[in-house]
Amino acid sequence: MAVLLDTNILLRLLQPHSAHAPIAARALDALRIRNEMLQITSQNLVEFWAVATRPVMENGLSLTVEEAMGQVLALKRLFTLLPEAPLQSEWERLIATYRVSGKNSHDARLVAAMMIHGAKSILTFNVQDFTRYAGITVLDPRLVV
């Protein structure tokens, strides 16, 4: 089974002092043991970059451009990067069907990528952000064993 990773999972891997860091790592280990295909999208990388390079005072990680680029390259080695596909019409269908607004529009783009590429599950700490979408399974890393 293919599992798309939400950006919050990727970010926690860089925050060893976060209570969520070991949970994310354990969940990824468990999914690897189950031979799940762990996937990311270009949307994940854009969101990751925005947080990684944002100042700590603005809820970011304050990485330099060089440090952030190194992390992006590492993510692309560790996980399967789904090809950029024509997601626009699927994204528009989702936001209209589920009446998505505001920052959840980013999540709808991840779901659109899932639909286009046939991924059935997403691993996220923000379970409530994805439960509205039919046809996908939302995995809480705290419950993955």
N, C-alpha and C. Protein backbone atom coordinates (compact mmCIF):
# COMPACT_ATOMS: atom_id res chain seq x y z
N MET A 1 0.85 -1.18 0.00
CA MET A 1 0.00 0.00 0.00
C MET A 1 0.89 1.24 0.00
N ALA A 2 0.44 2.26 -0.66
CA ALA A 2 1.15 3.54 -0.69
C ALA A 2 0.60 4.45 0.40
N VAL A 3 1.52 5.08 1.13
CA VAL A 3 1.14 6.01 2.20
C VAL A 3 1.81 7.35 1.91
N LEU A 4 0.98 8.37 1.73
CA LEU A 4 1.51 9.72 1.56
C LEU A 4 1.82 10.28 2.94
N LEU A 5 2.93 10.97 3.06
CA LEU A 5 3.32 11.58 4.32
C LEU A 5 2.92 13.04 4.33
N ASP A 6 2.24 13.46 5.40
CA ASP A 6 1.91 14.87 5.55
C ASP A 6 3.19 15.61 5.93
N THR A 7 3.25 16.87 5.61
CA THR A 7 4.45 17.67 5.87
C THR A 7 4.80 17.72 7.35
N ASN A 8 3.80 17.66 8.23
CA ASN A 8 4.12 17.71 9.66
C ASN A 8 4.94 16.51 10.10
N ILE A 9 4.81 15.38 9.45
CA ILE A 9 5.64 14.21 9.74
C ILE A 9 7.08 14.52 9.36
N LEU A 10 7.29 15.07 8.19
CA LEU A 10 8.64 15.39 7.71
C LEU A 10 9.32 16.41 8.62
N LEU A 11 8.57 17.41 9.05
CA LEU A 11 9.13 18.45 9.90
C LEU A 11 9.51 17.92 11.28
N ARG A 12 8.70 17.01 11.82
CA ARG A 12 9.02 16.48 13.16
C ARG A 12 10.33 15.71 13.16
N LEU A 13 10.69 15.12 12.02
CA LEU A 13 11.96 14.40 11.94
C LEU A 13 13.15 15.31 12.16
N LEU A 14 12.96 16.61 11.92
CA LEU A 14 14.04 17.59 12.12
C LEU A 14 13.98 18.27 13.48
N GLN A 15 13.03 17.88 14.29
CA GLN A 15 12.86 18.51 15.60
C GLN A 15 13.00 17.46 16.70
N PRO A 16 14.24 17.05 16.99
CA PRO A 16 14.44 15.95 17.95
C PRO A 16 13.91 16.24 19.35
N HIS A 17 13.72 17.50 19.70
CA HIS A 17 13.22 17.84 21.05
C HIS A 17 11.69 17.89 21.10
N SER A 18 11.05 17.74 19.95
CA SER A 18 9.59 17.72 19.91
C SER A 18 9.09 16.37 20.43
N ALA A 19 8.01 16.40 21.18
CA ALA A 19 7.41 15.15 21.67
C ALA A 19 6.93 14.30 20.50
N HIS A 20 6.66 14.92 19.37
CA HIS A 20 6.17 14.18 18.20
C HIS A 20 7.30 13.54 17.39
N ALA A 21 8.54 13.93 17.58
CA ALA A 21 9.65 13.39 16.79
C ALA A 21 9.78 11.87 16.92
N PRO A 22 9.84 11.33 18.13
CA PRO A 22 9.98 9.86 18.22
C PRO A 22 8.72 9.12 17.75
N ILE A 23 7.57 9.76 17.89
CA ILE A 23 6.33 9.14 17.42
C ILE A 23 6.36 9.02 15.89
N ALA A 24 6.77 10.10 15.23
CA ALA A 24 6.86 10.08 13.77
C ALA A 24 7.87 9.03 13.31
N ALA A 25 9.02 8.97 13.96
CA ALA A 25 10.06 8.01 13.58
C ALA A 25 9.57 6.57 13.78
N ARG A 26 8.90 6.30 14.90
CA ARG A 26 8.37 4.95 15.15
C ARG A 26 7.32 4.56 14.11
N ALA A 27 6.44 5.50 13.78
CA ALA A 27 5.41 5.22 12.79
C ALA A 27 6.03 4.91 11.43
N LEU A 28 7.03 5.68 11.03
CA LEU A 28 7.70 5.43 9.75
C LEU A 28 8.39 4.07 9.78
N ASP A 29 9.05 3.72 10.89
CA ASP A 29 9.69 2.41 11.01
C ASP A 29 8.66 1.30 10.87
N ALA A 30 7.52 1.45 11.54
CA ALA A 30 6.47 0.43 11.49
C ALA A 30 5.94 0.27 10.06
N LEU A 31 5.75 1.38 9.36
CA LEU A 31 5.26 1.31 7.98
C LEU A 31 6.30 0.68 7.06
N ARG A 32 7.57 0.96 7.29
CA ARG A 32 8.63 0.34 6.49
C ARG A 32 8.67 -1.17 6.72
N ILE A 33 8.52 -1.58 7.98
CA ILE A 33 8.50 -3.01 8.30
C ILE A 33 7.36 -3.70 7.57
N ARG A 34 6.24 -3.00 7.42
CA ARG A 34 5.07 -3.54 6.71
C ARG A 34 5.22 -3.41 5.19
N ASN A 35 6.39 -2.94 4.75
CA ASN A 35 6.68 -2.76 3.32
C ASN A 35 5.75 -1.78 2.62
N GLU A 36 5.31 -0.77 3.36
CA GLU A 36 4.48 0.28 2.76
C GLU A 36 5.38 1.18 1.91
N MET A 37 4.86 1.68 0.81
CA MET A 37 5.59 2.63 -0.01
C MET A 37 5.32 4.02 0.56
N LEU A 38 6.36 4.68 1.06
CA LEU A 38 6.22 6.00 1.69
C LEU A 38 6.48 7.07 0.64
N GLN A 39 5.47 7.94 0.45
CA GLN A 39 5.51 8.91 -0.64
C GLN A 39 5.41 10.34 -0.15
N ILE A 40 6.00 11.24 -0.94
CA ILE A 40 5.87 12.68 -0.73
C ILE A 40 5.55 13.32 -2.07
N THR A 41 5.11 14.58 -2.02
CA THR A 41 4.80 15.32 -3.24
C THR A 41 5.59 16.63 -3.27
N SER A 42 5.56 17.28 -4.39
CA SER A 42 6.19 18.60 -4.47
C SER A 42 5.51 19.57 -3.51
N GLN A 43 4.22 19.40 -3.26
CA GLN A 43 3.51 20.23 -2.28
C GLN A 43 4.15 20.08 -0.90
N ASN A 44 4.50 18.85 -0.51
CA ASN A 44 5.18 18.63 0.76
C ASN A 44 6.49 19.43 0.81
N LEU A 45 7.24 19.39 -0.27
CA LEU A 45 8.54 20.05 -0.29
C LEU A 45 8.40 21.57 -0.19
N VAL A 46 7.38 22.12 -0.83
CA VAL A 46 7.13 23.57 -0.74
C VAL A 46 6.76 23.94 0.69
N GLU A 47 5.84 23.18 1.30
CA GLU A 47 5.44 23.46 2.68
C GLU A 47 6.62 23.27 3.64
N PHE A 48 7.40 22.22 3.43
CA PHE A 48 8.58 21.96 4.25
C PHE A 48 9.55 23.14 4.17
N TRP A 49 9.83 23.58 2.96
CA TRP A 49 10.76 24.70 2.74
C TRP A 49 10.29 25.96 3.47
N ALA A 50 9.00 26.24 3.37
CA ALA A 50 8.45 27.45 4.00
C ALA A 50 8.68 27.43 5.51
N VAL A 51 8.46 26.29 6.14
CA VAL A 51 8.65 26.20 7.60
C VAL A 51 10.13 26.13 7.94
N ALA A 52 10.88 25.34 7.18
CA ALA A 52 12.31 25.15 7.49
C ALA A 52 13.09 26.46 7.42
N THR A 53 12.75 27.33 6.49
CA THR A 53 13.51 28.57 6.31
C THR A 53 12.90 29.77 7.03
N ARG A 54 11.75 29.59 7.65
CA ARG A 54 11.09 30.66 8.41
C ARG A 54 11.79 30.80 9.76
N PRO A 55 11.88 32.02 10.30
CA PRO A 55 12.51 32.22 11.61
C PRO A 55 11.78 31.46 12.73
N VAL A 56 12.52 31.07 13.74
CA VAL A 56 11.94 30.37 14.89
C VAL A 56 10.84 31.22 15.52
N MET A 57 11.04 32.54 15.56
CA MET A 57 10.05 33.44 16.15
C MET A 57 8.71 33.40 15.42
N GLU A 58 8.73 32.90 14.17
CA GLU A 58 7.51 32.79 13.37
C GLU A 58 7.11 31.32 13.18
N ASN A 59 7.46 30.50 14.18
CA ASN A 59 7.12 29.07 14.18
C ASN A 59 7.83 28.30 13.07
N GLY A 60 9.06 28.71 12.78
CA GLY A 60 9.86 28.02 11.77
C GLY A 60 11.06 27.35 12.40
N LEU A 61 11.97 26.87 11.55
CA LEU A 61 13.17 26.17 12.02
C LEU A 61 14.44 27.00 11.84
N SER A 62 14.35 28.12 11.14
CA SER A 62 15.49 29.02 10.92
C SER A 62 16.68 28.36 10.23
N LEU A 63 16.42 27.41 9.33
CA LEU A 63 17.52 26.81 8.57
C LEU A 63 17.98 27.78 7.49
N THR A 64 19.27 27.72 7.18
CA THR A 64 19.77 28.50 6.05
C THR A 64 19.27 27.84 4.76
N VAL A 65 19.41 28.56 3.67
CA VAL A 65 19.01 27.99 2.38
C VAL A 65 19.79 26.71 2.11
N GLU A 66 21.08 26.71 2.42
CA GLU A 66 21.91 25.53 2.18
C GLU A 66 21.47 24.35 3.06
N GLU A 67 21.17 24.62 4.33
CA GLU A 67 20.71 23.56 5.23
C GLU A 67 19.37 23.00 4.77
N ALA A 68 18.47 23.89 4.40
CA ALA A 68 17.15 23.46 3.94
C ALA A 68 17.26 22.65 2.65
N MET A 69 18.12 23.08 1.73
CA MET A 69 18.29 22.33 0.48
C MET A 69 18.84 20.94 0.77
N GLY A 70 19.77 20.84 1.72
CA GLY A 70 20.29 19.53 2.11
C GLY A 70 19.19 18.63 2.64
N GLN A 71 18.28 19.19 3.42
CA GLN A 71 17.17 18.42 3.96
C GLN A 71 16.19 18.00 2.87
N VAL A 72 15.93 18.89 1.91
CA VAL A 72 15.04 18.55 0.80
C VAL A 72 15.64 17.39 0.00
N LEU A 73 16.93 17.46 -0.27
CA LEU A 73 17.58 16.38 -1.02
C LEU A 73 17.51 15.07 -0.24
N ALA A 74 17.68 15.13 1.08
CA ALA A 74 17.58 13.93 1.92
C ALA A 74 16.17 13.34 1.86
N LEU A 75 15.16 14.19 1.92
CA LEU A 75 13.77 13.72 1.84
C LEU A 75 13.52 13.01 0.51
N LYS A 76 14.08 13.55 -0.56
CA LYS A 76 13.89 12.95 -1.88
C LYS A 76 14.60 11.61 -1.99
N ARG A 77 15.66 11.41 -1.21
CA ARG A 77 16.35 10.10 -1.19
C ARG A 77 15.60 9.10 -0.32
N LEU A 78 15.02 9.57 0.77
CA LEU A 78 14.37 8.69 1.74
C LEU A 78 12.98 8.21 1.32
N PHE A 79 12.27 9.06 0.57
CA PHE A 79 10.88 8.78 0.23
C PHE A 79 10.67 8.89 -1.27
N THR A 80 9.63 8.25 -1.75
CA THR A 80 9.29 8.31 -3.17
C THR A 80 8.61 9.65 -3.46
N LEU A 81 9.21 10.43 -4.34
CA LEU A 81 8.63 11.71 -4.74
C LEU A 81 7.69 11.45 -5.92
N LEU A 82 6.41 11.67 -5.70
CA LEU A 82 5.43 11.48 -6.77
C LEU A 82 5.66 12.52 -7.85
N PRO A 83 5.52 12.12 -9.10
CA PRO A 83 5.70 13.10 -10.18
C PRO A 83 4.63 14.18 -10.12
N GLU A 84 5.05 15.36 -10.49
CA GLU A 84 4.09 16.47 -10.57
C GLU A 84 3.12 16.13 -11.69
N ALA A 85 1.88 16.10 -11.37
CA ALA A 85 0.86 15.71 -12.34
C ALA A 85 -0.16 16.83 -12.45
N PRO A 86 -1.00 16.76 -13.45
CA PRO A 86 -2.06 17.77 -13.55
C PRO A 86 -3.09 17.58 -12.43
N LEU A 87 -2.88 18.28 -11.33
CA LEU A 87 -3.72 18.14 -10.15
C LEU A 87 -4.84 19.17 -10.07
N GLN A 88 -4.76 20.18 -10.89
CA GLN A 88 -5.65 21.33 -10.74
C GLN A 88 -7.13 20.95 -10.75
N SER A 89 -7.54 20.15 -11.73
CA SER A 89 -8.97 19.84 -11.81
C SER A 89 -9.43 18.98 -10.63
N GLU A 90 -8.58 18.05 -10.17
CA GLU A 90 -8.94 17.23 -9.01
C GLU A 90 -8.99 18.09 -7.75
N TRP A 91 -8.03 19.01 -7.61
CA TRP A 91 -8.02 19.92 -6.46
C TRP A 91 -9.29 20.78 -6.46
N GLU A 92 -9.66 21.32 -7.61
CA GLU A 92 -10.87 22.13 -7.70
C GLU A 92 -12.12 21.33 -7.35
N ARG A 93 -12.17 20.07 -7.80
CA ARG A 93 -13.30 19.20 -7.48
C ARG A 93 -13.38 18.99 -5.96
N LEU A 94 -12.24 18.72 -5.34
CA LEU A 94 -12.22 18.47 -3.90
C LEU A 94 -12.63 19.70 -3.10
N ILE A 95 -12.08 20.86 -3.43
CA ILE A 95 -12.41 22.05 -2.64
C ILE A 95 -13.87 22.44 -2.79
N ALA A 96 -14.44 22.17 -3.97
CA ALA A 96 -15.87 22.46 -4.16
C ALA A 96 -16.73 21.43 -3.45
N THR A 97 -16.41 20.16 -3.61
CA THR A 97 -17.20 19.08 -3.00
C THR A 97 -17.20 19.17 -1.48
N TYR A 98 -16.01 19.41 -0.91
CA TYR A 98 -15.87 19.40 0.54
C TYR A 98 -15.87 20.80 1.16
N ARG A 99 -16.15 21.81 0.33
CA ARG A 99 -16.26 23.19 0.80
C ARG A 99 -15.03 23.61 1.61
N VAL A 100 -13.87 23.37 1.05
CA VAL A 100 -12.60 23.66 1.70
C VAL A 100 -12.26 25.13 1.56
N SER A 101 -11.76 25.72 2.64
CA SER A 101 -11.34 27.12 2.58
C SER A 101 -10.11 27.31 3.46
N GLY A 102 -9.46 28.44 3.28
CA GLY A 102 -8.32 28.80 4.11
C GLY A 102 -7.14 27.86 3.97
N LYS A 103 -6.42 27.68 5.09
CA LYS A 103 -5.18 26.90 5.04
C LYS A 103 -5.41 25.44 4.70
N ASN A 104 -6.61 24.94 4.87
CA ASN A 104 -6.89 23.54 4.51
C ASN A 104 -6.82 23.31 3.00
N SER A 105 -6.73 24.39 2.23
CA SER A 105 -6.57 24.26 0.78
C SER A 105 -5.29 23.52 0.44
N HIS A 106 -4.26 23.69 1.28
CA HIS A 106 -3.00 22.97 1.06
C HIS A 106 -3.21 21.47 1.24
N ASP A 107 -3.97 21.10 2.25
CA ASP A 107 -4.26 19.68 2.50
C ASP A 107 -5.04 19.09 1.34
N ALA A 108 -5.96 19.85 0.78
CA ALA A 108 -6.74 19.36 -0.36
C ALA A 108 -5.84 19.06 -1.55
N ARG A 109 -4.77 19.81 -1.70
CA ARG A 109 -3.83 19.54 -2.80
C ARG A 109 -3.10 18.22 -2.56
N LEU A 110 -2.77 17.92 -1.30
CA LEU A 110 -2.17 16.62 -1.00
C LEU A 110 -3.15 15.49 -1.32
N VAL A 111 -4.40 15.67 -0.96
CA VAL A 111 -5.42 14.65 -1.26
C VAL A 111 -5.59 14.52 -2.77
N ALA A 112 -5.55 15.61 -3.50
CA ALA A 112 -5.65 15.54 -4.96
C ALA A 112 -4.50 14.69 -5.51
N ALA A 113 -3.31 14.87 -4.99
CA ALA A 113 -2.16 14.06 -5.43
C ALA A 113 -2.40 12.59 -5.11
N MET A 114 -2.97 12.33 -3.94
CA MET A 114 -3.30 10.95 -3.57
C MET A 114 -4.26 10.34 -4.58
N MET A 115 -5.29 11.08 -4.92
CA MET A 115 -6.31 10.58 -5.85
C MET A 115 -5.70 10.30 -7.23
N ILE A 116 -4.90 11.22 -7.71
CA ILE A 116 -4.29 11.09 -9.04
C ILE A 116 -3.33 9.90 -9.08
N HIS A 117 -2.57 9.70 -7.99
CA HIS A 117 -1.53 8.66 -7.97
C HIS A 117 -1.97 7.36 -7.31
N GLY A 118 -3.20 7.29 -6.83
CA GLY A 118 -3.71 6.05 -6.28
C GLY A 118 -3.28 5.73 -4.87
N ALA A 119 -2.75 6.70 -4.13
CA ALA A 119 -2.40 6.46 -2.72
C ALA A 119 -3.69 6.42 -1.92
N LYS A 120 -3.80 5.50 -1.02
CA LYS A 120 -5.04 5.32 -0.26
C LYS A 120 -4.95 5.83 1.18
N SER A 121 -3.73 6.09 1.67
CA SER A 121 -3.55 6.49 3.07
C SER A 121 -2.64 7.69 3.18
N ILE A 122 -2.84 8.46 4.26
CA ILE A 122 -1.96 9.57 4.58
C ILE A 122 -1.60 9.47 6.05
N LEU A 123 -0.32 9.66 6.36
CA LEU A 123 0.17 9.67 7.74
C LEU A 123 0.29 11.12 8.17
N THR A 124 -0.43 11.49 9.24
CA THR A 124 -0.46 12.89 9.68
C THR A 124 -0.78 13.01 11.16
N PHE A 125 -0.21 14.03 11.79
CA PHE A 125 -0.61 14.39 13.15
C PHE A 125 -1.92 15.16 13.14
N ASN A 126 -2.30 15.71 11.99
CA ASN A 126 -3.53 16.51 11.87
C ASN A 126 -4.65 15.67 11.28
N VAL A 127 -5.01 14.62 11.99
CA VAL A 127 -6.02 13.68 11.51
C VAL A 127 -7.30 14.39 11.11
N GLN A 128 -7.76 15.31 11.94
CA GLN A 128 -9.03 15.99 11.69
C GLN A 128 -9.04 16.77 10.38
N ASP A 129 -7.88 17.16 9.88
CA ASP A 129 -7.83 17.92 8.63
C ASP A 129 -8.16 17.07 7.41
N PHE A 130 -8.08 15.74 7.55
CA PHE A 130 -8.25 14.86 6.39
C PHE A 130 -9.45 13.93 6.47
N THR A 131 -10.13 13.90 7.60
CA THR A 131 -11.23 12.94 7.77
C THR A 131 -12.42 13.24 6.86
N ARG A 132 -12.53 14.43 6.36
CA ARG A 132 -13.67 14.80 5.51
C ARG A 132 -13.64 14.11 4.15
N TYR A 133 -12.46 13.64 3.73
CA TYR A 133 -12.31 13.12 2.37
C TYR A 133 -12.65 11.63 2.29
N ALA A 134 -13.62 11.32 1.44
CA ALA A 134 -13.99 9.93 1.22
C ALA A 134 -12.92 9.24 0.37
N GLY A 135 -12.74 7.97 0.61
CA GLY A 135 -11.83 7.18 -0.22
C GLY A 135 -10.39 7.16 0.24
N ILE A 136 -10.09 7.82 1.36
CA ILE A 136 -8.73 7.75 1.89
C ILE A 136 -8.78 7.29 3.35
N THR A 137 -7.67 6.72 3.78
CA THR A 137 -7.53 6.32 5.19
C THR A 137 -6.53 7.27 5.83
N VAL A 138 -6.91 7.83 6.97
CA VAL A 138 -6.04 8.76 7.67
C VAL A 138 -5.37 7.99 8.81
N LEU A 139 -4.04 7.97 8.79
CA LEU A 139 -3.26 7.25 9.79
C LEU A 139 -2.68 8.23 10.80
N ASP A 140 -2.98 8.03 12.05
CA ASP A 140 -2.41 8.83 13.14
C ASP A 140 -1.12 8.14 13.55
N PRO A 141 0.03 8.82 13.49
CA PRO A 141 1.30 8.17 13.82
C PRO A 141 1.35 7.64 15.25
N ARG A 142 0.53 8.19 16.14
CA ARG A 142 0.51 7.70 17.52
C ARG A 142 -0.11 6.32 17.61
N LEU A 143 -0.85 5.91 16.57
CA LEU A 143 -1.55 4.62 16.59
C LEU A 143 -0.97 3.60 15.63
N VAL A 144 0.07 3.98 14.87
CA VAL A 144 0.68 3.05 13.93
C VAL A 144 1.67 2.17 14.67
N VAL A 145 1.45 0.88 14.58
CA VAL A 145 2.35 -0.08 15.25
C VAL A 145 2.76 -1.17 14.28
